[in-house]
Amino acid sequence: MDNSILAKEMKLHYASIGMVTDYDCWKENEEVSVEKVIKQMKENANSVASVLMDVIPRIVDADWSKESEELAKLVDGSIF
């Protein structure tokens, strides 16, 4: 089962972050190596850490009452 479905059933707000590790599926004339992928993964991890350090305090400080009520109504009326 998808994590977003489980989060919804538990009436939890859910978000995800996706990271691209290489571009060889569309970018021509560039060879991919393990070293390049690992380098990109490290850069992505640093970027995600920066995003989370910025976003988490704002998430904590926000009033989520309205969104939580709407989610509860949606879940209570859903059939899984």
PDB file of N, CA and C in Angstrom:
ATOM      1  N   MET A   1       0.844  -1.177   0.000  1.00  0.00           N
ATOM      2  CA  MET A   1       0.000   0.000   0.000  1.00  0.00           C
ATOM      3  C   MET A   1       0.897   1.251   0.000  1.00  0.00           C
ATOM      4  N   ASP A   2       0.467   2.232  -0.683  1.00  0.00           N
ATOM      5  CA  ASP A   2       1.165   3.508  -0.819  1.00  0.00           C
ATOM      6  C   ASP A   2       1.186   4.262   0.516  1.00  0.00           C
ATOM      7  N   ASN A   3       2.334   4.886   0.843  1.00  0.00           N
ATOM      8  CA  ASN A   3       2.446   5.648   2.088  1.00  0.00           C
ATOM      9  C   ASN A   3       1.427   6.766   2.186  1.00  0.00           C
ATOM     10  N   SER A   4       1.104   7.394   1.060  1.00  0.00           N
ATOM     11  CA  SER A   4       0.146   8.497   1.100  1.00  0.00           C
ATOM     12  C   SER A   4      -1.248   7.994   1.483  1.00  0.00           C
ATOM     13  N   ILE A   5      -1.590   6.785   1.083  1.00  0.00           N
ATOM     14  CA  ILE A   5      -2.882   6.213   1.455  1.00  0.00           C
ATOM     15  C   ILE A   5      -2.907   5.914   2.947  1.00  0.00           C
ATOM     16  N   LEU A   6      -1.820   5.349   3.461  1.00  0.00           N
ATOM     17  CA  LEU A   6      -1.751   5.074   4.894  1.00  0.00           C
ATOM     18  C   LEU A   6      -1.826   6.368   5.700  1.00  0.00           C
ATOM     19  N   ALA A   7      -1.120   7.399   5.253  1.00  0.00           N
ATOM     20  CA  ALA A   7      -1.159   8.686   5.949  1.00  0.00           C
ATOM     21  C   ALA A   7      -2.577   9.248   5.941  1.00  0.00           C
ATOM     22  N   LYS A   8      -3.252   9.135   4.802  1.00  0.00           N
ATOM     23  CA  LYS A   8      -4.627   9.627   4.705  1.00  0.00           C
ATOM     24  C   LYS A   8      -5.543   8.883   5.660  1.00  0.00           C
ATOM     25  N   GLU A   9      -5.431   7.566   5.709  1.00  0.00           N
ATOM     26  CA  GLU A   9      -6.259   6.770   6.621  1.00  0.00           C
ATOM     27  C   GLU A   9      -6.039   7.181   8.076  1.00  0.00           C
ATOM     28  N   MET A  10      -4.813   7.582   8.397  1.00  0.00           N
ATOM     29  CA  MET A  10      -4.487   7.982   9.762  1.00  0.00           C
ATOM     30  C   MET A  10      -4.724   9.477   9.992  1.00  0.00           C
ATOM     31  N   LYS A  11      -5.279  10.146   8.974  1.00  0.00           N
ATOM     32  CA  LYS A  11      -5.583  11.577   9.021  1.00  0.00           C
ATOM     33  C   LYS A  11      -4.326  12.421   9.255  1.00  0.00           C
ATOM     34  N   LEU A  12      -3.234  12.007   8.604  1.00  0.00           N
ATOM     35  CA  LEU A  12      -1.968  12.725   8.698  1.00  0.00           C
ATOM     36  C   LEU A  12      -1.705  13.471   7.399  1.00  0.00           C
ATOM     37  N   HIS A  13      -1.205  14.665   7.503  1.00  0.00           N
ATOM     38  CA  HIS A  13      -0.784  15.399   6.320  1.00  0.00           C
ATOM     39  C   HIS A  13       0.506  14.747   5.812  1.00  0.00           C
ATOM     40  N   TYR A  14       0.694  14.752   4.517  1.00  0.00           N
ATOM     41  CA  TYR A  14       1.791  13.987   3.926  1.00  0.00           C
ATOM     42  C   TYR A  14       2.412  14.774   2.782  1.00  0.00           C
ATOM     43  N   ALA A  15       3.730  14.734   2.708  1.00  0.00           N
ATOM     44  CA  ALA A  15       4.446  15.343   1.592  1.00  0.00           C
ATOM     45  C   ALA A  15       5.668  14.484   1.294  1.00  0.00           C
ATOM     46  N   SER A  16       6.166  14.591   0.091  1.00  0.00           N
ATOM     47  CA  SER A  16       7.375  13.848  -0.263  1.00  0.00           C
ATOM     48  C   SER A  16       8.312  14.753  -1.045  1.00  0.00           C
ATOM     49  N   ILE A  17       9.573  14.355  -1.066  1.00  0.00           N
ATOM     50  CA  ILE A  17      10.587  15.077  -1.823  1.00  0.00           C
ATOM     51  C   ILE A  17      11.258  14.063  -2.745  1.00  0.00           C
ATOM     52  N   GLY A  18      11.277  14.363  -4.031  1.00  0.00           N
ATOM     53  CA  GLY A  18      11.939  13.489  -4.997  1.00  0.00           C
ATOM     54  C   GLY A  18      13.263  14.091  -5.438  1.00  0.00           C
ATOM     55  N   MET A  19      14.249  13.236  -5.656  1.00  0.00           N
ATOM     56  CA  MET A  19      15.568  13.717  -6.064  1.00  0.00           C
ATOM     57  C   MET A  19      16.029  12.968  -7.304  1.00  0.00           C
ATOM     58  N   VAL A  20      16.509  13.707  -8.290  1.00  0.00           N
ATOM     59  CA  VAL A  20      17.048  13.118  -9.503  1.00  0.00           C
ATOM     60  C   VAL A  20      18.530  12.839  -9.275  1.00  0.00           C
ATOM     61  N   THR A  21      18.973  11.637  -9.649  1.00  0.00           N
ATOM     62  CA  THR A  21      20.380  11.292  -9.431  1.00  0.00           C
ATOM     63  C   THR A  21      21.208  11.359 -10.702  1.00  0.00           C
ATOM     64  N   ASP A  22      20.589  11.182 -11.852  1.00  0.00           N
ATOM     65  CA  ASP A  22      21.322  11.309 -13.111  1.00  0.00           C
ATOM     66  C   ASP A  22      20.346  11.614 -14.232  1.00  0.00           C
ATOM     67  N   TYR A  23      20.897  12.071 -15.333  1.00  0.00           N
ATOM     68  CA  TYR A  23      20.068  12.534 -16.436  1.00  0.00           C
ATOM     69  C   TYR A  23      20.274  11.710 -17.702  1.00  0.00           C
ATOM     70  N   ASP A  24      20.842  10.528 -17.577  1.00  0.00           N
ATOM     71  CA  ASP A  24      21.182   9.761 -18.768  1.00  0.00           C
ATOM     72  C   ASP A  24      19.972   9.255 -19.540  1.00  0.00           C
ATOM     73  N   CYS A  25      18.799   9.311 -18.940  1.00  0.00           N
ATOM     74  CA  CYS A  25      17.621   8.826 -19.664  1.00  0.00           C
ATOM     75  C   CYS A  25      17.192   9.798 -20.759  1.00  0.00           C
ATOM     76  N   TRP A  26      17.661  11.046 -20.725  1.00  0.00           N
ATOM     77  CA  TRP A  26      17.273  12.001 -21.755  1.00  0.00           C
ATOM     78  C   TRP A  26      18.424  12.870 -22.247  1.00  0.00           C
ATOM     79  N   LYS A  27      19.471  12.995 -21.470  1.00  0.00           N
ATOM     80  CA  LYS A  27      20.574  13.885 -21.836  1.00  0.00           C
ATOM     81  C   LYS A  27      21.603  13.111 -22.650  1.00  0.00           C
ATOM     82  N   GLU A  28      21.749  13.493 -23.903  1.00  0.00           N
ATOM     83  CA  GLU A  28      22.663  12.785 -24.788  1.00  0.00           C
ATOM     84  C   GLU A  28      24.094  13.295 -24.632  1.00  0.00           C
ATOM     85  N   ASN A  29      25.032  12.482 -25.087  1.00  0.00           N
ATOM     86  CA  ASN A  29      26.451  12.833 -25.111  1.00  0.00           C
ATOM     87  C   ASN A  29      27.062  13.059 -23.730  1.00  0.00           C
ATOM     88  N   GLU A  30      26.526  12.386 -22.747  1.00  0.00           N
ATOM     89  CA  GLU A  30      27.120  12.459 -21.414  1.00  0.00           C
ATOM     90  C   GLU A  30      27.096  11.065 -20.801  1.00  0.00           C
ATOM     91  N   GLU A  31      28.259  10.582 -20.443  1.00  0.00           N
ATOM     92  CA  GLU A  31      28.332   9.258 -19.846  1.00  0.00           C
ATOM     93  C   GLU A  31      28.025   9.342 -18.353  1.00  0.00           C
ATOM     94  N   VAL A  32      27.364   8.317 -17.867  1.00  0.00           N
ATOM     95  CA  VAL A  32      27.026   8.234 -16.447  1.00  0.00           C
ATOM     96  C   VAL A  32      28.001   7.278 -15.787  1.00  0.00           C
ATOM     97  N   SER A  33      28.421   7.657 -14.603  1.00  0.00           N
ATOM     98  CA  SER A  33      29.297   6.780 -13.823  1.00  0.00           C
ATOM     99  C   SER A  33      28.782   6.743 -12.388  1.00  0.00           C
ATOM    100  N   VAL A  34      29.214   5.755 -11.651  1.00  0.00           N
ATOM    101  CA  VAL A  34      28.837   5.644 -10.239  1.00  0.00           C
ATOM    102  C   VAL A  34      29.284   6.899  -9.502  1.00  0.00           C
ATOM    103  N   GLU A  35      30.473   7.382  -9.816  1.00  0.00           N
ATOM    104  CA  GLU A  35      30.995   8.571  -9.146  1.00  0.00           C
ATOM    105  C   GLU A  35      30.090   9.788  -9.381  1.00  0.00           C
ATOM    106  N   LYS A  36      29.623   9.965 -10.631  1.00  0.00           N
ATOM    107  CA  LYS A  36      28.744  11.098 -10.930  1.00  0.00           C
ATOM    108  C   LYS A  36      27.412  10.975 -10.204  1.00  0.00           C
ATOM    109  N   VAL A  37      26.878   9.761 -10.154  1.00  0.00           N
ATOM    110  CA  VAL A  37      25.598   9.552  -9.472  1.00  0.00           C
ATOM    111  C   VAL A  37      25.758   9.818  -7.978  1.00  0.00           C
ATOM    112  N   ILE A  38      26.809   9.313  -7.366  1.00  0.00           N
ATOM    113  CA  ILE A  38      27.043   9.533  -5.935  1.00  0.00           C
ATOM    114  C   ILE A  38      27.250  11.012  -5.651  1.00  0.00           C
ATOM    115  N   LYS A  39      27.999  11.698  -6.511  1.00  0.00           N
ATOM    116  CA  LYS A  39      28.199  13.143  -6.339  1.00  0.00           C
ATOM    117  C   LYS A  39      26.859  13.873  -6.377  1.00  0.00           C
ATOM    118  N   GLN A  40      26.012  13.500  -7.340  1.00  0.00           N
ATOM    119  CA  GLN A  40      24.701  14.138  -7.462  1.00  0.00           C
ATOM    120  C   GLN A  40      23.835  13.820  -6.251  1.00  0.00           C
ATOM    121  N   MET A  41      23.891  12.601  -5.761  1.00  0.00           N
ATOM    122  CA  MET A  41      23.110  12.229  -4.578  1.00  0.00           C
ATOM    123  C   MET A  41      23.535  13.056  -3.363  1.00  0.00           C
ATOM    124  N   LYS A  42      24.832  13.279  -3.207  1.00  0.00           N
ATOM    125  CA  LYS A  42      25.329  14.092  -2.091  1.00  0.00           C
ATOM    126  C   LYS A  42      24.850  15.539  -2.227  1.00  0.00           C
ATOM    127  N   GLU A  43      24.899  16.076  -3.435  1.00  0.00           N
ATOM    128  CA  GLU A  43      24.403  17.433  -3.663  1.00  0.00           C
ATOM    129  C   GLU A  43      22.907  17.515  -3.366  1.00  0.00           C
ATOM    130  N   ASN A  44      22.158  16.501  -3.803  1.00  0.00           N
ATOM    131  CA  ASN A  44      20.721  16.460  -3.520  1.00  0.00           C
ATOM    132  C   ASN A  44      20.457  16.414  -2.022  1.00  0.00           C
ATOM    133  N   ALA A  45      21.214  15.589  -1.303  1.00  0.00           N
ATOM    134  CA  ALA A  45      21.027  15.454   0.145  1.00  0.00           C
ATOM    135  C   ALA A  45      21.266  16.795   0.835  1.00  0.00           C
ATOM    136  N   ASN A  46      22.289  17.520   0.399  1.00  0.00           N
ATOM    137  CA  ASN A  46      22.554  18.844   0.971  1.00  0.00           C
ATOM    138  C   ASN A  46      21.413  19.816   0.669  1.00  0.00           C
ATOM    139  N   SER A  47      20.889  19.755  -0.550  1.00  0.00           N
ATOM    140  CA  SER A  47      19.768  20.625  -0.922  1.00  0.00           C
ATOM    141  C   SER A  47      18.527  20.303  -0.105  1.00  0.00           C
ATOM    142  N   VAL A  48      18.239  19.021   0.055  1.00  0.00           N
ATOM    143  CA  VAL A  48      17.067  18.607   0.826  1.00  0.00           C
ATOM    144  C   VAL A  48      17.222  19.018   2.284  1.00  0.00           C
ATOM    145  N   ALA A  49      18.420  18.870   2.832  1.00  0.00           N
ATOM    146  CA  ALA A  49      18.653  19.287   4.216  1.00  0.00           C
ATOM    147  C   ALA A  49      18.370  20.779   4.374  1.00  0.00           C
ATOM    148  N   SER A  50      18.801  21.581   3.409  1.00  0.00           N
ATOM    149  CA  SER A  50      18.540  23.029   3.453  1.00  0.00           C
ATOM    150  C   SER A  50      17.041  23.319   3.387  1.00  0.00           C
ATOM    151  N   VAL A  51      16.349  22.625   2.489  1.00  0.00           N
ATOM    152  CA  VAL A  51      14.898  22.809   2.368  1.00  0.00           C
ATOM    153  C   VAL A  51      14.205  22.451   3.682  1.00  0.00           C
ATOM    154  N   LEU A  52      14.560  21.309   4.251  1.00  0.00           N
ATOM    155  CA  LEU A  52      13.919  20.874   5.489  1.00  0.00           C
ATOM    156  C   LEU A  52      14.210  21.826   6.649  1.00  0.00           C
ATOM    157  N   MET A  53      15.433  22.319   6.735  1.00  0.00           N
ATOM    158  CA  MET A  53      15.779  23.257   7.803  1.00  0.00           C
ATOM    159  C   MET A  53      14.960  24.547   7.682  1.00  0.00           C
ATOM    160  N   ASP A  54      14.612  24.923   6.471  1.00  0.00           N
ATOM    161  CA  ASP A  54      13.792  26.107   6.242  1.00  0.00           C
ATOM    162  C   ASP A  54      12.310  25.826   6.481  1.00  0.00           C
ATOM    163  N   VAL A  55      11.844  24.681   6.014  1.00  0.00           N
ATOM    164  CA  VAL A  55      10.409  24.394   6.013  1.00  0.00           C
ATOM    165  C   VAL A  55       9.891  23.888   7.368  1.00  0.00           C
ATOM    166  N   ILE A  56      10.644  23.064   8.053  1.00  0.00           N
ATOM    167  CA  ILE A  56      10.140  22.453   9.287  1.00  0.00           C
ATOM    168  C   ILE A  56       9.689  23.490  10.314  1.00  0.00           C
ATOM    169  N   PRO A  57      10.471  24.535  10.591  1.00  0.00           N
ATOM    170  CA  PRO A  57       9.967  25.526  11.552  1.00  0.00           C
ATOM    171  C   PRO A  57       8.663  26.189  11.101  1.00  0.00           C
ATOM    172  N   ARG A  58       8.518  26.415   9.805  1.00  0.00           N
ATOM    173  CA  ARG A  58       7.278  27.014   9.306  1.00  0.00           C
ATOM    174  C   ARG A  58       6.109  26.054   9.443  1.00  0.00           C
ATOM    175  N   ILE A  59       6.358  24.765   9.233  1.00  0.00           N
ATOM    176  CA  ILE A  59       5.298  23.765   9.398  1.00  0.00           C
ATOM    177  C   ILE A  59       4.857  23.716  10.853  1.00  0.00           C
ATOM    178  N   VAL A  60       5.816  23.729  11.753  1.00  0.00           N
ATOM    179  CA  VAL A  60       5.517  23.671  13.187  1.00  0.00           C
ATOM    180  C   VAL A  60       4.719  24.895  13.631  1.00  0.00           C
ATOM    181  N   ASP A  61       5.081  26.069  13.107  1.00  0.00           N
ATOM    182  CA  ASP A  61       4.434  27.312  13.530  1.00  0.00           C
ATOM    183  C   ASP A  61       3.070  27.553  12.890  1.00  0.00           C
ATOM    184  N   ALA A  62       2.762  26.851  11.833  1.00  0.00           N
ATOM    185  CA  ALA A  62       1.502  27.078  11.110  1.00  0.00           C
ATOM    186  C   ALA A  62       0.314  26.503  11.876  1.00  0.00           C
ATOM    187  N   ASP A  63      -0.840  27.108  11.661  1.00  0.00           N
ATOM    188  CA  ASP A  63      -2.091  26.600  12.226  1.00  0.00           C
ATOM    189  C   ASP A  63      -2.728  25.684  11.183  1.00  0.00           C
ATOM    190  N   TRP A  64      -2.759  24.404  11.468  1.00  0.00           N
ATOM    191  CA  TRP A  64      -3.256  23.406  10.529  1.00  0.00           C
ATOM    192  C   TRP A  64      -4.674  22.952  10.873  1.00  0.00           C
ATOM    193  N   SER A  65      -5.371  23.681  11.729  1.00  0.00           N
ATOM    194  CA  SER A  65      -6.711  23.272  12.188  1.00  0.00           C
ATOM    195  C   SER A  65      -7.683  23.070  11.030  1.00  0.00           C
ATOM    196  N   LYS A  66      -7.756  24.053  10.148  1.00  0.00           N
ATOM    197  CA  LYS A  66      -8.706  23.978   9.028  1.00  0.00           C
ATOM    198  C   LYS A  66      -8.383  22.790   8.121  1.00  0.00           C
ATOM    199  N   GLU A  67      -7.106  22.630   7.783  1.00  0.00           N
ATOM    200  CA  GLU A  67      -6.696  21.528   6.920  1.00  0.00           C
ATOM    201  C   GLU A  67      -6.960  20.175   7.586  1.00  0.00           C
ATOM    202  N   SER A  68      -6.731  20.098   8.886  1.00  0.00           N
ATOM    203  CA  SER A  68      -6.969  18.847   9.611  1.00  0.00           C
ATOM    204  C   SER A  68      -8.447  18.486   9.635  1.00  0.00           C
ATOM    205  N   GLU A  69      -9.301  19.496   9.825  1.00  0.00           N
ATOM    206  CA  GLU A  69     -10.749  19.254   9.784  1.00  0.00           C
ATOM    207  C   GLU A  69     -11.187  18.759   8.418  1.00  0.00           C
ATOM    208  N   GLU A  70     -10.692  19.417   7.365  1.00  0.00           N
ATOM    209  CA  GLU A  70     -11.050  19.015   5.998  1.00  0.00           C
ATOM    210  C   GLU A  70     -10.571  17.601   5.698  1.00  0.00           C
ATOM    211  N   LEU A  71      -9.369  17.268   6.145  1.00  0.00           N
ATOM    212  CA  LEU A  71      -8.840  15.925   5.929  1.00  0.00           C
ATOM    213  C   LEU A  71      -9.671  14.892   6.683  1.00  0.00           C
ATOM    214  N   ALA A  72     -10.042  15.193   7.903  1.00  0.00           N
ATOM    215  CA  ALA A  72     -10.861  14.265   8.698  1.00  0.00           C
ATOM    216  C   ALA A  72     -12.206  14.022   8.023  1.00  0.00           C
ATOM    217  N   LYS A  73     -12.835  15.085   7.517  1.00  0.00           N
ATOM    218  CA  LYS A  73     -14.112  14.937   6.819  1.00  0.00           C
ATOM    219  C   LYS A  73     -13.950  14.076   5.570  1.00  0.00           C
ATOM    220  N   LEU A  74     -12.876  14.328   4.835  1.00  0.00           N
ATOM    221  CA  LEU A  74     -12.613  13.555   3.613  1.00  0.00           C
ATOM    222  C   LEU A  74     -12.424  12.080   3.938  1.00  0.00           C
ATOM    223  N   VAL A  75     -11.622  11.800   4.957  1.00  0.00           N
ATOM    224  CA  VAL A  75     -11.331  10.412   5.316  1.00  0.00           C
ATOM    225  C   VAL A  75     -12.570   9.730   5.860  1.00  0.00           C
ATOM    226  N   ASP A  76     -13.294  10.404   6.709  1.00  0.00           N
ATOM    227  CA  ASP A  76     -14.508   9.806   7.298  1.00  0.00           C
ATOM    228  C   ASP A  76     -15.560   9.476   6.245  1.00  0.00           C
ATOM    229  N   GLY A  77     -15.542  10.216   5.124  1.00  0.00           N
ATOM    230  CA  GLY A  77     -16.488   9.959   4.052  1.00  0.00           C
ATOM    231  C   GLY A  77     -15.959   9.057   2.954  1.00  0.00           C
ATOM    232  N   SER A  78     -14.723   8.576   3.110  1.00  0.00           N
ATOM    233  CA  SER A  78     -14.106   7.763   2.069  1.00  0.00           C
ATOM    234  C   SER A  78     -14.320   6.277   2.313  1.00  0.00           C
ATOM    235  N   ILE A  79     -14.268   5.534   1.233  1.00  0.00           N
ATOM    236  CA  ILE A  79     -14.276   4.085   1.289  1.00  0.00           C
ATOM    237  C   ILE A  79     -12.936   3.625   0.751  1.00  0.00           C
ATOM    238  N   PHE A  80     -12.183   2.886   1.559  1.00  0.00           N
ATOM    239  CA  PHE A  80     -10.867   2.422   1.139  1.00  0.00           C
ATOM    240  C   PHE A  80     -10.925   1.015   0.646  1.00  0.00           C
TER     241      PHE A  80
END
